[in-house]
Amino acid sequence: MNNMYHTMTQPMHMDNMNMMQQPMHMENMMQPKQVMVVEPYVYAATSTLVGKRAVLETTRGRVAGLVMDVKPDHVVLQERESTFFVRLCEVVWIMPDTSQK
C-alpha cells in the first residue's frame, strides 16, 4: 500500500507521458484566438444617442461629444476637430448631454 501511494504521488514528467496522456488539442492551445466582448445593453443604449450629444464615463475618465456611430464593440464621439473611439467594455455609464445644443 505504501509503494502504491508513493507511486501515485510522484510528479509525472512530460517526457514520461505518452501521447494519450497529453491534454487533448494541445496544438490548438498555441494558436491565437479572437475574443469579442459584447456589451449588448450598453450598445443598445448608446445606439439611441446617434446624432445627439452624450457624456460617457469610462474607466479612464469622462468623454463628451456628438455620437457619430456605434458598433458592437465601440462608440465614435466627435468633439470639435477630435474624434474619439471608445471601447464599450470600458464604459461605466452614459447620459445624454443637454448642456450644449
PDB file of N, CA and C in Angstrom:
ATOM      1  N   MET A   1       0.823  -1.185   0.000  1.00  0.00           N
ATOM      2  CA  MET A   1       0.000   0.000   0.000  1.00  0.00           C
ATOM      3  C   MET A   1       0.872   1.254   0.000  1.00  0.00           C
ATOM      4  N   ASN A   2       1.922   1.220   0.798  1.00  0.00           N
ATOM      5  CA  ASN A   2       2.816   2.370   0.860  1.00  0.00           C
ATOM      6  C   ASN A   2       3.460   2.645  -0.488  1.00  0.00           C
ATOM      7  N   ASN A   3       3.892   1.596  -1.195  1.00  0.00           N
ATOM      8  CA  ASN A   3       4.503   1.760  -2.510  1.00  0.00           C
ATOM      9  C   ASN A   3       3.511   2.336  -3.516  1.00  0.00           C
ATOM     10  N   MET A   4       2.266   1.901  -3.464  1.00  0.00           N
ATOM     11  CA  MET A   4       1.257   2.391  -4.396  1.00  0.00           C
ATOM     12  C   MET A   4       1.002   3.888  -4.155  1.00  0.00           C
ATOM     13  N   TYR A   5       0.906   4.272  -2.905  1.00  0.00           N
ATOM     14  CA  TYR A   5       0.701   5.683  -2.579  1.00  0.00           C
ATOM     15  C   TYR A   5       1.889   6.508  -3.052  1.00  0.00           C
ATOM     16  N   HIS A   6       3.076   6.008  -2.813  1.00  0.00           N
ATOM     17  CA  HIS A   6       4.283   6.698  -3.219  1.00  0.00           C
ATOM     18  C   HIS A   6       4.325   6.850  -4.749  1.00  0.00           C
ATOM     19  N   THR A   7       3.975   5.839  -5.468  1.00  0.00           N
ATOM     20  CA  THR A   7       3.993   5.880  -6.934  1.00  0.00           C
ATOM     21  C   THR A   7       2.969   6.875  -7.460  1.00  0.00           C
ATOM     22  N   MET A   8       1.803   6.918  -6.869  1.00  0.00           N
ATOM     23  CA  MET A   8       0.748   7.795  -7.364  1.00  0.00           C
ATOM     24  C   MET A   8       1.021   9.266  -7.063  1.00  0.00           C
ATOM     25  N   THR A   9       1.806   9.556  -6.070  1.00  0.00           N
ATOM     26  CA  THR A   9       2.061  10.946  -5.715  1.00  0.00           C
ATOM     27  C   THR A   9       3.297  11.517  -6.392  1.00  0.00           C
ATOM     28  N   GLN A  10       4.020  10.692  -7.144  1.00  0.00           N
ATOM     29  CA  GLN A  10       5.198  11.181  -7.847  1.00  0.00           C
ATOM     30  C   GLN A  10       4.753  12.065  -9.016  1.00  0.00           C
ATOM     31  N   PRO A  11       5.396  13.209  -9.232  1.00  0.00           N
ATOM     32  CA  PRO A  11       5.023  14.052 -10.360  1.00  0.00           C
ATOM     33  C   PRO A  11       5.313  13.342 -11.675  1.00  0.00           C
ATOM     34  N   MET A  12       4.428  13.549 -12.636  1.00  0.00           N
ATOM     35  CA  MET A  12       4.605  12.928 -13.939  1.00  0.00           C
ATOM     36  C   MET A  12       5.299  13.937 -14.846  1.00  0.00           C
ATOM     37  N   HIS A  13       6.367  13.556 -15.454  1.00  0.00           N
ATOM     38  CA  HIS A  13       7.117  14.442 -16.328  1.00  0.00           C
ATOM     39  C   HIS A  13       6.614  14.280 -17.753  1.00  0.00           C
ATOM     40  N   MET A  14       6.683  15.386 -18.516  1.00  0.00           N
ATOM     41  CA  MET A  14       6.200  15.371 -19.895  1.00  0.00           C
ATOM     42  C   MET A  14       6.932  14.336 -20.747  1.00  0.00           C
ATOM     43  N   ASP A  15       8.228  14.116 -20.499  1.00  0.00           N
ATOM     44  CA  ASP A  15       8.972  13.161 -21.304  1.00  0.00           C
ATOM     45  C   ASP A  15       8.552  11.724 -20.977  1.00  0.00           C
ATOM     46  N   ASN A  16       7.948  11.510 -19.824  1.00  0.00           N
ATOM     47  CA  ASN A  16       7.457  10.187 -19.458  1.00  0.00           C
ATOM     48  C   ASN A  16       6.037   9.944 -19.935  1.00  0.00           C
ATOM     49  N   MET A  17       5.352  10.982 -20.333  1.00  0.00           N
ATOM     50  CA  MET A  17       3.961  10.834 -20.759  1.00  0.00           C
ATOM     51  C   MET A  17       3.909  10.363 -22.207  1.00  0.00           C
ATOM     52  N   ASN A  18       2.979   9.516 -22.500  1.00  0.00           N
ATOM     53  CA  ASN A  18       2.779   9.163 -23.901  1.00  0.00           C
ATOM     54  C   ASN A  18       1.741  10.107 -24.494  1.00  0.00           C
ATOM     55  N   MET A  19       1.476  10.002 -25.769  1.00  0.00           N
ATOM     56  CA  MET A  19       0.572  10.921 -26.456  1.00  0.00           C
ATOM     57  C   MET A  19      -0.844  10.862 -25.894  1.00  0.00           C
ATOM     58  N   MET A  20      -1.262   9.723 -25.410  1.00  0.00           N
ATOM     59  CA  MET A  20      -2.621   9.581 -24.895  1.00  0.00           C
ATOM     60  C   MET A  20      -2.796  10.344 -23.576  1.00  0.00           C
ATOM     61  N   GLN A  21      -1.738  10.608 -22.857  1.00  0.00           N
ATOM     62  CA  GLN A  21      -1.836  11.283 -21.575  1.00  0.00           C
ATOM     63  C   GLN A  21      -1.731  12.803 -21.699  1.00  0.00           C
ATOM     64  N   GLN A  22      -1.306  13.305 -22.848  1.00  0.00           N
ATOM     65  CA  GLN A  22      -1.187  14.745 -23.023  1.00  0.00           C
ATOM     66  C   GLN A  22      -2.575  15.352 -23.184  1.00  0.00           C
ATOM     67  N   PRO A  23      -2.732  16.599 -22.771  1.00  0.00           N
ATOM     68  CA  PRO A  23      -4.040  17.242 -22.926  1.00  0.00           C
ATOM     69  C   PRO A  23      -4.475  17.238 -24.383  1.00  0.00           C
ATOM     70  N   MET A  24      -5.755  17.023 -24.588  1.00  0.00           N
ATOM     71  CA  MET A  24      -6.290  16.994 -25.951  1.00  0.00           C
ATOM     72  C   MET A  24      -6.167  18.372 -26.585  1.00  0.00           C
ATOM     73  N   HIS A  25      -5.936  18.406 -27.857  1.00  0.00           N
ATOM     74  CA  HIS A  25      -5.858  19.629 -28.657  1.00  0.00           C
ATOM     75  C   HIS A  25      -4.749  20.563 -28.187  1.00  0.00           C
ATOM     76  N   MET A  26      -3.653  20.019 -27.724  1.00  0.00           N
ATOM     77  CA  MET A  26      -2.547  20.860 -27.261  1.00  0.00           C
ATOM     78  C   MET A  26      -2.035  21.755 -28.381  1.00  0.00           C
ATOM     79  N   GLU A  27      -2.062  21.271 -29.621  1.00  0.00           N
ATOM     80  CA  GLU A  27      -1.579  22.083 -30.732  1.00  0.00           C
ATOM     81  C   GLU A  27      -2.464  23.303 -30.949  1.00  0.00           C
ATOM     82  N   ASN A  28      -3.748  23.229 -30.610  1.00  0.00           N
ATOM     83  CA  ASN A  28      -4.645  24.368 -30.768  1.00  0.00           C
ATOM     84  C   ASN A  28      -4.439  25.419 -29.679  1.00  0.00           C
ATOM     85  N   MET A  29      -3.812  25.054 -28.581  1.00  0.00           N
ATOM     86  CA  MET A  29      -3.605  26.000 -27.488  1.00  0.00           C
ATOM     87  C   MET A  29      -2.589  27.073 -27.873  1.00  0.00           C
ATOM     88  N   MET A  30      -1.751  26.803 -28.831  1.00  0.00           N
ATOM     89  CA  MET A  30      -0.707  27.742 -29.223  1.00  0.00           C
ATOM     90  C   MET A  30      -1.172  28.717 -30.296  1.00  0.00           C
ATOM     91  N   GLN A  31      -2.338  28.496 -30.883  1.00  0.00           N
ATOM     92  CA  GLN A  31      -2.820  29.372 -31.936  1.00  0.00           C
ATOM     93  C   GLN A  31      -3.583  30.541 -31.327  1.00  0.00           C
ATOM     94  N   PRO A  32      -3.442  31.747 -31.926  1.00  0.00           N
ATOM     95  CA  PRO A  32      -4.185  32.892 -31.399  1.00  0.00           C
ATOM     96  C   PRO A  32      -5.682  32.690 -31.597  1.00  0.00           C
ATOM     97  N   LYS A  33      -6.448  33.185 -30.660  1.00  0.00           N
ATOM     98  CA  LYS A  33      -7.893  33.083 -30.733  1.00  0.00           C
ATOM     99  C   LYS A  33      -8.481  34.489 -30.653  1.00  0.00           C
ATOM    100  N   GLN A  34      -9.508  34.724 -31.451  1.00  0.00           N
ATOM    101  CA  GLN A  34     -10.188  36.009 -31.423  1.00  0.00           C
ATOM    102  C   GLN A  34     -11.209  35.998 -30.294  1.00  0.00           C
ATOM    103  N   VAL A  35     -11.172  37.037 -29.485  1.00  0.00           N
ATOM    104  CA  VAL A  35     -12.108  37.170 -28.376  1.00  0.00           C
ATOM    105  C   VAL A  35     -12.871  38.464 -28.580  1.00  0.00           C
ATOM    106  N   MET A  36     -14.193  38.394 -28.510  1.00  0.00           N
ATOM    107  CA  MET A  36     -15.004  39.593 -28.696  1.00  0.00           C
ATOM    108  C   MET A  36     -15.877  39.782 -27.466  1.00  0.00           C
ATOM    109  N   VAL A  37     -15.707  40.906 -26.823  1.00  0.00           N
ATOM    110  CA  VAL A  37     -16.524  41.225 -25.669  1.00  0.00           C
ATOM    111  C   VAL A  37     -17.714  42.025 -26.173  1.00  0.00           C
ATOM    112  N   VAL A  38     -18.896  41.558 -25.895  1.00  0.00           N
ATOM    113  CA  VAL A  38     -20.099  42.233 -26.355  1.00  0.00           C
ATOM    114  C   VAL A  38     -20.857  42.755 -25.141  1.00  0.00           C
ATOM    115  N   GLU A  39     -21.177  44.016 -25.179  1.00  0.00           N
ATOM    116  CA  GLU A  39     -21.967  44.662 -24.137  1.00  0.00           C
ATOM    117  C   GLU A  39     -23.312  45.033 -24.762  1.00  0.00           C
ATOM    118  N   PRO A  40     -24.256  44.081 -24.863  1.00  0.00           N
ATOM    119  CA  PRO A  40     -25.479  44.341 -25.638  1.00  0.00           C
ATOM    120  C   PRO A  40     -26.339  45.481 -25.094  1.00  0.00           C
ATOM    121  N   TYR A  41     -26.421  45.626 -23.790  1.00  0.00           N
ATOM    122  CA  TYR A  41     -27.256  46.701 -23.237  1.00  0.00           C
ATOM    123  C   TYR A  41     -26.600  48.065 -23.397  1.00  0.00           C
ATOM    124  N   VAL A  42     -25.298  48.119 -23.228  1.00  0.00           N
ATOM    125  CA  VAL A  42     -24.575  49.379 -23.449  1.00  0.00           C
ATOM    126  C   VAL A  42     -24.665  49.757 -24.923  1.00  0.00           C
ATOM    127  N   TYR A  43     -24.523  48.780 -25.802  1.00  0.00           N
ATOM    128  CA  TYR A  43     -24.644  49.019 -27.243  1.00  0.00           C
ATOM    129  C   TYR A  43     -26.033  49.550 -27.586  1.00  0.00           C
ATOM    130  N   ALA A  44     -27.079  48.925 -27.070  1.00  0.00           N
ATOM    131  CA  ALA A  44     -28.446  49.351 -27.358  1.00  0.00           C
ATOM    132  C   ALA A  44     -28.711  50.762 -26.840  1.00  0.00           C
ATOM    133  N   ALA A  45     -28.268  51.043 -25.630  1.00  0.00           N
ATOM    134  CA  ALA A  45     -28.475  52.377 -25.052  1.00  0.00           C
ATOM    135  C   ALA A  45     -27.722  53.439 -25.841  1.00  0.00           C
ATOM    136  N   THR A  46     -26.500  53.145 -26.210  1.00  0.00           N
ATOM    137  CA  THR A  46     -25.688  54.114 -26.955  1.00  0.00           C
ATOM    138  C   THR A  46     -26.231  54.327 -28.360  1.00  0.00           C
ATOM    139  N   SER A  47     -26.791  53.288 -28.954  1.00  0.00           N
ATOM    140  CA  SER A  47     -27.357  53.399 -30.307  1.00  0.00           C
ATOM    141  C   SER A  47     -28.490  54.411 -30.376  1.00  0.00           C
ATOM    142  N   THR A  48     -29.216  54.595 -29.278  1.00  0.00           N
ATOM    143  CA  THR A  48     -30.319  55.563 -29.273  1.00  0.00           C
ATOM    144  C   THR A  48     -29.813  57.002 -29.278  1.00  0.00           C
ATOM    145  N   LEU A  49     -28.515  57.201 -29.061  1.00  0.00           N
ATOM    146  CA  LEU A  49     -27.947  58.542 -28.980  1.00  0.00           C
ATOM    147  C   LEU A  49     -27.206  58.978 -30.242  1.00  0.00           C
ATOM    148  N   VAL A  50     -27.246  58.186 -31.306  1.00  0.00           N
ATOM    149  CA  VAL A  50     -26.556  58.564 -32.554  1.00  0.00           C
ATOM    150  C   VAL A  50     -27.149  59.882 -33.057  1.00  0.00           C
ATOM    151  N   GLY A  51     -26.264  60.839 -33.348  1.00  0.00           N
ATOM    152  CA  GLY A  51     -26.683  62.158 -33.813  1.00  0.00           C
ATOM    153  C   GLY A  51     -26.945  63.137 -32.683  1.00  0.00           C
ATOM    154  N   LYS A  52     -26.817  62.679 -31.449  1.00  0.00           N
ATOM    155  CA  LYS A  52     -27.038  63.532 -30.278  1.00  0.00           C
ATOM    156  C   LYS A  52     -25.746  63.643 -29.475  1.00  0.00           C
ATOM    157  N   ARG A  53     -25.696  64.637 -28.607  1.00  0.00           N
ATOM    158  CA  ARG A  53     -24.546  64.794 -27.722  1.00  0.00           C
ATOM    159  C   ARG A  53     -24.715  63.872 -26.528  1.00  0.00           C
ATOM    160  N   ALA A  54     -23.595  63.342 -26.046  1.00  0.00           N
ATOM    161  CA  ALA A  54     -23.638  62.436 -24.902  1.00  0.00           C
ATOM    162  C   ALA A  54     -22.362  62.584 -24.090  1.00  0.00           C
ATOM    163  N   VAL A  55     -22.448  62.140 -22.839  1.00  0.00           N
ATOM    164  CA  VAL A  55     -21.300  62.088 -21.947  1.00  0.00           C
ATOM    165  C   VAL A  55     -21.106  60.624 -21.587  1.00  0.00           C
ATOM    166  N   LEU A  56     -19.877  60.135 -21.738  1.00  0.00           N
ATOM    167  CA  LEU A  56     -19.538  58.763 -21.376  1.00  0.00           C
ATOM    168  C   LEU A  56     -18.507  58.795 -20.271  1.00  0.00           C
ATOM    169  N   GLU A  57     -18.781  58.109 -19.204  1.00  0.00           N
ATOM    170  CA  GLU A  57     -17.780  57.926 -18.154  1.00  0.00           C
ATOM    171  C   GLU A  57     -17.097  56.595 -18.447  1.00  0.00           C
ATOM    172  N   THR A  58     -15.781  56.627 -18.591  1.00  0.00           N
ATOM    173  CA  THR A  58     -15.027  55.401 -18.861  1.00  0.00           C
ATOM    174  C   THR A  58     -14.133  55.099 -17.664  1.00  0.00           C
ATOM    175  N   THR A  59     -13.479  53.987 -17.733  1.00  0.00           N
ATOM    176  CA  THR A  59     -12.543  53.624 -16.673  1.00  0.00           C
ATOM    177  C   THR A  59     -11.340  54.555 -16.651  1.00  0.00           C
ATOM    178  N   ARG A  60     -11.140  55.337 -17.710  1.00  0.00           N
ATOM    179  CA  ARG A  60     -10.009  56.273 -17.785  1.00  0.00           C
ATOM    180  C   ARG A  60     -10.420  57.731 -17.625  1.00  0.00           C
ATOM    181  N   GLY A  61     -11.724  57.999 -17.542  1.00  0.00           N
ATOM    182  CA  GLY A  61     -12.183  59.378 -17.401  1.00  0.00           C
ATOM    183  C   GLY A  61     -13.419  59.630 -18.237  1.00  0.00           C
ATOM    184  N   ARG A  62     -13.816  60.892 -18.275  1.00  0.00           N
ATOM    185  CA  ARG A  62     -15.051  61.289 -18.947  1.00  0.00           C
ATOM    186  C   ARG A  62     -14.765  61.791 -20.353  1.00  0.00           C
ATOM    187  N   VAL A  63     -15.653  61.415 -21.291  1.00  0.00           N
ATOM    188  CA  VAL A  63     -15.557  61.878 -22.672  1.00  0.00           C
ATOM    189  C   VAL A  63     -16.930  62.378 -23.083  1.00  0.00           C
ATOM    190  N   ALA A  64     -16.972  63.562 -23.688  1.00  0.00           N
ATOM    191  CA  ALA A  64     -18.240  64.132 -24.148  1.00  0.00           C
ATOM    192  C   ALA A  64     -18.112  64.498 -25.611  1.00  0.00           C
ATOM    193  N   GLY A  65     -19.214  64.412 -26.325  1.00  0.00           N
ATOM    194  CA  GLY A  65     -19.208  64.800 -27.721  1.00  0.00           C
ATOM    195  C   GLY A  65     -20.445  64.317 -28.438  1.00  0.00           C
ATOM    196  N   LEU A  66     -20.450  64.528 -29.736  1.00  0.00           N
ATOM    197  CA  LEU A  66     -21.550  64.101 -30.597  1.00  0.00           C
ATOM    198  C   LEU A  66     -21.335  62.624 -30.944  1.00  0.00           C
ATOM    199  N   VAL A  67     -22.353  61.818 -30.702  1.00  0.00           N
ATOM    200  CA  VAL A  67     -22.251  60.391 -31.018  1.00  0.00           C
ATOM    201  C   VAL A  67     -22.400  60.252 -32.537  1.00  0.00           C
ATOM    202  N   MET A  68     -21.306  59.883 -33.189  1.00  0.00           N
ATOM    203  CA  MET A  68     -21.296  59.769 -34.652  1.00  0.00           C
ATOM    204  C   MET A  68     -21.704  58.376 -35.125  1.00  0.00           C
ATOM    205  N   ASP A  69     -21.248  57.347 -34.400  1.00  0.00           N
ATOM    206  CA  ASP A  69     -21.505  55.966 -34.824  1.00  0.00           C
ATOM    207  C   ASP A  69     -21.366  55.054 -33.613  1.00  0.00           C
ATOM    208  N   VAL A  70     -22.065  53.934 -33.658  1.00  0.00           N
ATOM    209  CA  VAL A  70     -21.969  52.933 -32.600  1.00  0.00           C
ATOM    210  C   VAL A  70     -21.833  51.571 -33.262  1.00  0.00           C
ATOM    211  N   LYS A  71     -20.851  50.820 -32.827  1.00  0.00           N
ATOM    212  CA  LYS A  71     -20.630  49.446 -33.271  1.00  0.00           C
ATOM    213  C   LYS A  71     -20.742  48.539 -32.050  1.00  0.00           C
ATOM    214  N   PRO A  72     -20.856  47.222 -32.233  1.00  0.00           N
ATOM    215  CA  PRO A  72     -20.993  46.332 -31.072  1.00  0.00           C
ATOM    216  C   PRO A  72     -19.852  46.421 -30.064  1.00  0.00           C
ATOM    217  N   ASP A  73     -18.676  46.897 -30.496  1.00  0.00           N
ATOM    218  CA  ASP A  73     -17.544  46.949 -29.571  1.00  0.00           C
ATOM    219  C   ASP A  73     -17.049  48.358 -29.249  1.00  0.00           C
ATOM    220  N   HIS A  74     -17.516  49.377 -29.980  1.00  0.00           N
ATOM    221  CA  HIS A  74     -17.044  50.738 -29.694  1.00  0.00           C
ATOM    222  C   HIS A  74     -18.063  51.794 -30.130  1.00  0.00           C
ATOM    223  N   VAL A  75     -17.858  52.994 -29.621  1.00  0.00           N
ATOM    224  CA  VAL A  75     -18.670  54.147 -29.996  1.00  0.00           C
ATOM    225  C   VAL A  75     -17.719  55.228 -30.505  1.00  0.00           C
ATOM    226  N   VAL A  76     -18.178  55.994 -31.482  1.00  0.00           N
ATOM    227  CA  VAL A  76     -17.375  57.080 -32.047  1.00  0.00           C
ATOM    228  C   VAL A  76     -18.001  58.400 -31.612  1.00  0.00           C
ATOM    229  N   LEU A  77     -17.218  59.207 -30.891  1.00  0.00           N
ATOM    230  CA  LEU A  77     -17.656  60.530 -30.452  1.00  0.00           C
ATOM    231  C   LEU A  77     -16.813  61.585 -31.139  1.00  0.00           C
ATOM    232  N   GLN A  78     -17.434  62.706 -31.495  1.00  0.00           N
ATOM    233  CA  GLN A  78     -16.670  63.801 -32.078  1.00  0.00           C
ATOM    234  C   GLN A  78     -16.909  65.055 -31.259  1.00  0.00           C
ATOM    235  N   GLU A  79     -15.832  65.722 -30.913  1.00  0.00           N
ATOM    236  CA  GLU A  79     -15.871  66.986 -30.181  1.00  0.00           C
ATOM    237  C   GLU A  79     -14.919  67.942 -30.881  1.00  0.00           C
ATOM    238  N   ARG A  80     -15.472  68.956 -31.499  1.00  0.00           N
ATOM    239  CA  ARG A  80     -14.726  69.896 -32.331  1.00  0.00           C
ATOM    240  C   ARG A  80     -13.983  69.132 -33.423  1.00  0.00           C
ATOM    241  N   GLU A  81     -12.665  69.230 -33.476  1.00  0.00           N
ATOM    242  CA  GLU A  81     -11.893  68.524 -34.504  1.00  0.00           C
ATOM    243  C   GLU A  81     -11.377  67.166 -34.023  1.00  0.00           C
ATOM    244  N   SER A  82     -11.720  66.762 -32.808  1.00  0.00           N
ATOM    245  CA  SER A  82     -11.214  65.499 -32.256  1.00  0.00           C
ATOM    246  C   SER A  82     -12.265  64.401 -32.371  1.00  0.00           C
ATOM    247  N   THR A  83     -11.795  63.233 -32.754  1.00  0.00           N
ATOM    248  CA  THR A  83     -12.663  62.053 -32.835  1.00  0.00           C
ATOM    249  C   THR A  83     -12.171  61.039 -31.818  1.00  0.00           C
ATOM    250  N   PHE A  84     -13.092  60.512 -31.037  1.00  0.00           N
ATOM    251  CA  PHE A  84     -12.753  59.530 -30.007  1.00  0.00           C
ATOM    252  C   PHE A  84     -13.420  58.200 -30.326  1.00  0.00           C
ATOM    253  N   PHE A  85     -12.670  57.139 -30.265  1.00  0.00           N
ATOM    254  CA  PHE A  85     -13.179  55.782 -30.418  1.00  0.00           C
ATOM    255  C   PHE A  85     -13.091  55.137 -29.035  1.00  0.00           C
ATOM    256  N   VAL A  86     -14.240  54.911 -28.421  1.00  0.00           N
ATOM    257  CA  VAL A  86     -14.284  54.409 -27.047  1.00  0.00           C
ATOM    258  C   VAL A  86     -14.804  52.975 -27.059  1.00  0.00           C
ATOM    259  N   ARG A  87     -14.026  52.083 -26.471  1.00  0.00           N
ATOM    260  CA  ARG A  87     -14.457  50.690 -26.361  1.00  0.00           C
ATOM    261  C   ARG A  87     -15.624  50.600 -25.385  1.00  0.00           C
ATOM    262  N   LEU A  88     -16.684  49.926 -25.790  1.00  0.00           N
ATOM    263  CA  LEU A  88     -17.867  49.825 -24.928  1.00  0.00           C
ATOM    264  C   LEU A  88     -17.593  49.065 -23.636  1.00  0.00           C
ATOM    265  N   CYS A  89     -16.645  48.155 -23.652  1.00  0.00           N
ATOM    266  CA  CYS A  89     -16.348  47.421 -22.422  1.00  0.00           C
ATOM    267  C   CYS A  89     -15.665  48.316 -21.382  1.00  0.00           C
ATOM    268  N   GLU A  90     -15.237  49.516 -21.784  1.00  0.00           N
ATOM    269  CA  GLU A  90     -14.623  50.474 -20.862  1.00  0.00           C
ATOM    270  C   GLU A  90     -15.621  51.503 -20.341  1.00  0.00           C
ATOM    271  N   VAL A  91     -16.859  51.471 -20.840  1.00  0.00           N
ATOM    272  CA  VAL A  91     -17.855  52.457 -20.444  1.00  0.00           C
ATOM    273  C   VAL A  91     -18.464  52.076 -19.101  1.00  0.00           C
ATOM    274  N   VAL A  92     -18.499  53.045 -18.184  1.00  0.00           N
ATOM    275  CA  VAL A  92     -19.102  52.841 -16.867  1.00  0.00           C
ATOM    276  C   VAL A  92     -20.558  53.304 -16.901  1.00  0.00           C
ATOM    277  N   TRP A  93     -20.794  54.499 -17.457  1.00  0.00           N
ATOM    278  CA  TRP A  93     -22.155  54.999 -17.630  1.00  0.00           C
ATOM    279  C   TRP A  93     -22.226  55.959 -18.805  1.00  0.00           C
ATOM    280  N   ILE A  94     -23.452  56.160 -19.287  1.00  0.00           N
ATOM    281  CA  ILE A  94     -23.708  57.041 -20.429  1.00  0.00           C
ATOM    282  C   ILE A  94     -24.912  57.911 -20.080  1.00  0.00           C
ATOM    283  N   MET A  95     -24.871  59.166 -20.521  1.00  0.00           N
ATOM    284  CA  MET A  95     -26.071  60.011 -20.383  1.00  0.00           C
ATOM    285  C   MET A  95     -26.106  61.022 -21.516  1.00  0.00           C
ATOM    286  N   PRO A  96     -27.309  61.382 -21.934  1.00  0.00           N
ATOM    287  CA  PRO A  96     -27.411  62.439 -22.946  1.00  0.00           C
ATOM    288  C   PRO A  96     -26.864  63.740 -22.366  1.00  0.00           C
ATOM    289  N   ASP A  97     -26.210  64.527 -23.204  1.00  0.00           N
ATOM    290  CA  ASP A  97     -25.649  65.812 -22.768  1.00  0.00           C
ATOM    291  C   ASP A  97     -26.575  66.917 -23.244  1.00  0.00           C
ATOM    292  N   THR A  98     -27.326  67.473 -22.328  1.00  0.00           N
ATOM    293  CA  THR A  98     -28.272  68.535 -22.683  1.00  0.00           C
ATOM    294  C   THR A  98     -27.718  69.919 -22.360  1.00  0.00           C
ATOM    295  N   SER A  99     -26.462  69.976 -21.904  1.00  0.00           N
ATOM    296  CA  SER A  99     -25.876  71.253 -21.504  1.00  0.00           C
ATOM    297  C   SER A  99     -25.549  72.138 -22.712  1.00  0.00           C
ATOM    298  N   GLN A 100     -25.241  71.533 -23.868  1.00  0.00           N
ATOM    299  CA  GLN A 100     -24.918  72.295 -25.076  1.00  0.00           C
ATOM    300  C   GLN A 100     -25.802  71.807 -26.204  1.00  0.00           C
ATOM    301  N   LYS A 101     -26.221  72.723 -27.044  1.00  0.00           N
ATOM    302  CA  LYS A 101     -27.040  72.365 -28.203  1.00  0.00           C
ATOM    303  C   LYS A 101     -26.362  72.796 -29.460  1.00  0.00           C
TER     304      LYS A 101
END
